[in-house]
Amino acid sequence: MKPKLVSSDTLIKLFGDNTPDRPVIISKTCNECGCDIEIELHKTSGGFGLQGGILIELNGHLAADCPKCYEKHTVAFV
């Protein structure tokens, strides 16, 4: 099953009071392969940008996939 991406409300909460010019760094372990990943969350003019991984909602909790594992899901379910 393809993971559910986090909602914009969750991203707003994660960003909190940070200024738009400073990214939020989120350290997680990939839900699929177990590698350590560091995701940078940036505020953009159109919303948010993430670099280094994908934030997902899994069983009501915040989790992450590395880009390689997320790509496997995307390719498998297109």
N, C-alpha and C. Protein backbone atom coordinates (compact mmCIF):
# COMPACT_ATOMS: atom_id res chain seq x y z
N MET A 1 0.84 -1.18 0.00
CA MET A 1 0.00 0.00 0.00
C MET A 1 0.89 1.25 0.00
N LYS A 2 0.54 2.22 -0.82
CA LYS A 2 1.30 3.47 -0.90
C LYS A 2 1.08 4.26 0.39
N PRO A 3 2.17 4.75 1.00
CA PRO A 3 2.03 5.53 2.24
C PRO A 3 1.26 6.82 2.02
N LYS A 4 0.61 7.30 3.08
CA LYS A 4 -0.13 8.56 3.03
C LYS A 4 0.81 9.69 3.42
N LEU A 5 0.96 10.67 2.54
CA LEU A 5 1.80 11.83 2.83
C LEU A 5 1.19 12.64 3.96
N VAL A 6 2.04 13.34 4.72
CA VAL A 6 1.54 14.17 5.82
C VAL A 6 0.71 15.31 5.27
N SER A 7 -0.21 15.79 6.07
CA SER A 7 -1.09 16.89 5.66
C SER A 7 -0.36 18.21 5.84
N SER A 8 -0.88 19.24 5.19
CA SER A 8 -0.29 20.58 5.34
C SER A 8 -0.45 21.07 6.78
N ASP A 9 -1.51 20.67 7.47
CA ASP A 9 -1.68 21.05 8.88
C ASP A 9 -0.55 20.49 9.74
N THR A 10 -0.15 19.26 9.46
CA THR A 10 0.96 18.65 10.20
C THR A 10 2.26 19.40 9.92
N LEU A 11 2.48 19.79 8.66
CA LEU A 11 3.69 20.53 8.31
C LEU A 11 3.72 21.89 9.00
N ILE A 12 2.58 22.54 9.09
CA ILE A 12 2.49 23.83 9.78
C ILE A 12 2.87 23.65 11.25
N LYS A 13 2.36 22.60 11.89
CA LYS A 13 2.70 22.34 13.29
C LYS A 13 4.18 22.04 13.46
N LEU A 14 4.76 21.27 12.53
CA LEU A 14 6.18 20.94 12.61
C LEU A 14 7.04 22.19 12.46
N PHE A 15 6.61 23.10 11.59
CA PHE A 15 7.40 24.30 11.36
C PHE A 15 7.32 25.24 12.55
N GLY A 16 6.20 25.25 13.22
CA GLY A 16 6.04 26.04 14.44
C GLY A 16 6.37 27.51 14.25
N ASP A 17 7.20 28.04 15.13
CA ASP A 17 7.53 29.46 15.13
C ASP A 17 8.80 29.80 14.37
N ASN A 18 9.37 28.84 13.65
CA ASN A 18 10.60 29.12 12.89
C ASN A 18 10.35 30.20 11.85
N THR A 19 11.37 31.00 11.61
CA THR A 19 11.26 32.02 10.57
C THR A 19 11.35 31.34 9.20
N PRO A 20 10.71 31.91 8.18
CA PRO A 20 10.69 31.28 6.86
C PRO A 20 12.06 31.03 6.24
N ASP A 21 13.08 31.78 6.66
CA ASP A 21 14.40 31.61 6.05
C ASP A 21 15.23 30.51 6.72
N ARG A 22 14.70 29.85 7.74
CA ARG A 22 15.43 28.78 8.43
C ARG A 22 14.65 27.48 8.33
N PRO A 23 15.27 26.43 7.78
CA PRO A 23 14.55 25.15 7.65
C PRO A 23 14.44 24.43 9.00
N VAL A 24 13.45 23.56 9.09
CA VAL A 24 13.32 22.65 10.22
C VAL A 24 13.98 21.35 9.79
N ILE A 25 14.81 20.78 10.66
CA ILE A 25 15.49 19.53 10.37
C ILE A 25 14.81 18.42 11.17
N ILE A 26 14.39 17.38 10.47
CA ILE A 26 13.72 16.25 11.11
C ILE A 26 14.55 15.00 10.87
N SER A 27 15.01 14.38 11.95
CA SER A 27 15.79 13.15 11.84
C SER A 27 14.87 11.96 12.10
N LYS A 28 14.87 11.02 11.17
CA LYS A 28 14.03 9.82 11.28
C LYS A 28 14.79 8.63 10.74
N THR A 29 14.23 7.47 10.95
CA THR A 29 14.71 6.23 10.35
C THR A 29 13.70 5.83 9.29
N CYS A 30 14.18 5.43 8.12
CA CYS A 30 13.27 5.04 7.04
C CYS A 30 12.38 3.89 7.50
N ASN A 31 11.11 4.05 7.28
CA ASN A 31 10.11 3.06 7.64
C ASN A 31 10.33 1.74 6.90
N GLU A 32 10.91 1.79 5.72
CA GLU A 32 11.09 0.60 4.89
C GLU A 32 12.44 -0.09 5.09
N CYS A 33 13.53 0.64 4.87
CA CYS A 33 14.86 0.00 4.87
C CYS A 33 15.64 0.21 6.16
N GLY A 34 15.19 1.12 7.02
CA GLY A 34 15.84 1.33 8.30
C GLY A 34 17.03 2.27 8.28
N CYS A 35 17.34 2.89 7.13
CA CYS A 35 18.47 3.82 7.08
C CYS A 35 18.10 5.12 7.79
N ASP A 36 19.11 5.80 8.32
CA ASP A 36 18.90 7.09 8.97
C ASP A 36 18.76 8.17 7.90
N ILE A 37 17.75 9.02 8.05
CA ILE A 37 17.54 10.10 7.09
C ILE A 37 17.33 11.41 7.85
N GLU A 38 17.71 12.48 7.19
CA GLU A 38 17.52 13.82 7.73
C GLU A 38 16.72 14.60 6.69
N ILE A 39 15.55 15.05 7.07
CA ILE A 39 14.66 15.76 6.15
C ILE A 39 14.65 17.24 6.52
N GLU A 40 14.90 18.08 5.51
CA GLU A 40 14.82 19.53 5.70
C GLU A 40 13.45 19.99 5.24
N LEU A 41 12.76 20.69 6.11
CA LEU A 41 11.45 21.24 5.80
C LEU A 41 11.60 22.74 5.62
N HIS A 42 11.26 23.22 4.42
CA HIS A 42 11.38 24.64 4.08
C HIS A 42 10.01 25.24 3.82
N LYS A 43 9.82 26.48 4.26
CA LYS A 43 8.63 27.23 3.87
C LYS A 43 8.91 27.83 2.50
N THR A 44 7.96 27.72 1.59
CA THR A 44 8.09 28.31 0.26
C THR A 44 6.91 29.23 0.01
N SER A 45 6.96 29.96 -1.10
CA SER A 45 5.85 30.86 -1.42
C SER A 45 4.57 30.08 -1.70
N GLY A 46 4.70 28.82 -2.11
CA GLY A 46 3.52 28.00 -2.40
C GLY A 46 3.16 27.01 -1.32
N GLY A 47 3.88 27.01 -0.21
CA GLY A 47 3.59 26.06 0.86
C GLY A 47 4.85 25.58 1.54
N PHE A 48 5.21 24.31 1.30
CA PHE A 48 6.38 23.72 1.94
C PHE A 48 7.15 22.89 0.94
N GLY A 49 8.45 22.77 1.20
CA GLY A 49 9.31 21.90 0.41
C GLY A 49 10.08 21.00 1.34
N LEU A 50 10.24 19.74 0.96
CA LEU A 50 10.98 18.79 1.76
C LEU A 50 12.16 18.28 0.95
N GLN A 51 13.31 18.16 1.60
CA GLN A 51 14.51 17.63 0.95
C GLN A 51 15.08 16.53 1.82
N GLY A 52 15.47 15.43 1.19
CA GLY A 52 16.15 14.36 1.91
C GLY A 52 15.29 13.18 2.27
N GLY A 53 13.99 13.30 2.10
CA GLY A 53 13.09 12.20 2.43
C GLY A 53 11.64 12.62 2.32
N ILE A 54 10.77 11.69 2.62
CA ILE A 54 9.33 11.90 2.52
C ILE A 54 8.72 11.67 3.90
N LEU A 55 7.92 12.62 4.39
CA LEU A 55 7.20 12.42 5.65
C LEU A 55 5.85 11.78 5.35
N ILE A 56 5.53 10.74 6.10
CA ILE A 56 4.28 10.02 5.91
C ILE A 56 3.55 9.87 7.25
N GLU A 57 2.27 9.58 7.16
CA GLU A 57 1.48 9.26 8.34
C GLU A 57 1.26 7.76 8.33
N LEU A 58 1.66 7.11 9.42
CA LEU A 58 1.58 5.66 9.51
C LEU A 58 0.95 5.30 10.84
N ASN A 59 -0.24 4.73 10.79
CA ASN A 59 -0.96 4.34 12.01
C ASN A 59 -1.11 5.50 12.99
N GLY A 60 -1.38 6.69 12.46
CA GLY A 60 -1.60 7.86 13.29
C GLY A 60 -0.33 8.53 13.80
N HIS A 61 0.83 8.08 13.33
CA HIS A 61 2.10 8.65 13.78
C HIS A 61 2.89 9.18 12.59
N LEU A 62 3.78 10.11 12.87
CA LEU A 62 4.67 10.66 11.86
C LEU A 62 5.80 9.68 11.61
N ALA A 63 6.01 9.31 10.37
CA ALA A 63 7.09 8.40 9.98
C ALA A 63 7.74 8.99 8.73
N ALA A 64 8.74 8.30 8.21
CA ALA A 64 9.44 8.80 7.04
C ALA A 64 9.90 7.65 6.16
N ASP A 65 10.03 7.94 4.88
CA ASP A 65 10.64 7.03 3.92
C ASP A 65 11.80 7.77 3.27
N CYS A 66 12.88 7.05 3.00
CA CYS A 66 13.97 7.65 2.24
C CYS A 66 13.48 7.78 0.79
N PRO A 67 14.10 8.63 0.00
CA PRO A 67 13.64 8.82 -1.38
C PRO A 67 13.61 7.52 -2.19
N LYS A 68 14.59 6.65 -1.99
CA LYS A 68 14.66 5.39 -2.75
C LYS A 68 13.47 4.48 -2.44
N CYS A 69 13.13 4.33 -1.17
CA CYS A 69 12.01 3.48 -0.79
C CYS A 69 10.68 4.08 -1.23
N TYR A 70 10.53 5.40 -1.11
CA TYR A 70 9.29 6.04 -1.53
C TYR A 70 9.11 5.88 -3.04
N GLU A 71 10.20 5.97 -3.78
CA GLU A 71 10.14 5.81 -5.24
C GLU A 71 9.63 4.42 -5.58
N LYS A 72 10.02 3.40 -4.84
CA LYS A 72 9.54 2.03 -5.09
C LYS A 72 8.02 1.98 -4.97
N HIS A 73 7.46 2.67 -3.96
CA HIS A 73 6.00 2.70 -3.78
C HIS A 73 5.34 3.44 -4.94
N THR A 74 5.92 4.57 -5.33
CA THR A 74 5.35 5.40 -6.38
C THR A 74 5.33 4.64 -7.70
N VAL A 75 6.43 4.00 -8.04
CA VAL A 75 6.51 3.24 -9.29
C VAL A 75 5.57 2.07 -9.27
N ALA A 76 5.44 1.40 -8.12
CA ALA A 76 4.62 0.19 -8.01
C ALA A 76 3.13 0.50 -8.13
N PHE A 77 2.70 1.71 -7.78
CA PHE A 77 1.27 2.00 -7.74
C PHE A 77 0.81 3.03 -8.75
N VAL A 78 1.64 3.37 -9.72
CA VAL A 78 1.23 4.35 -10.73
C VAL A 78 0.36 3.68 -11.76
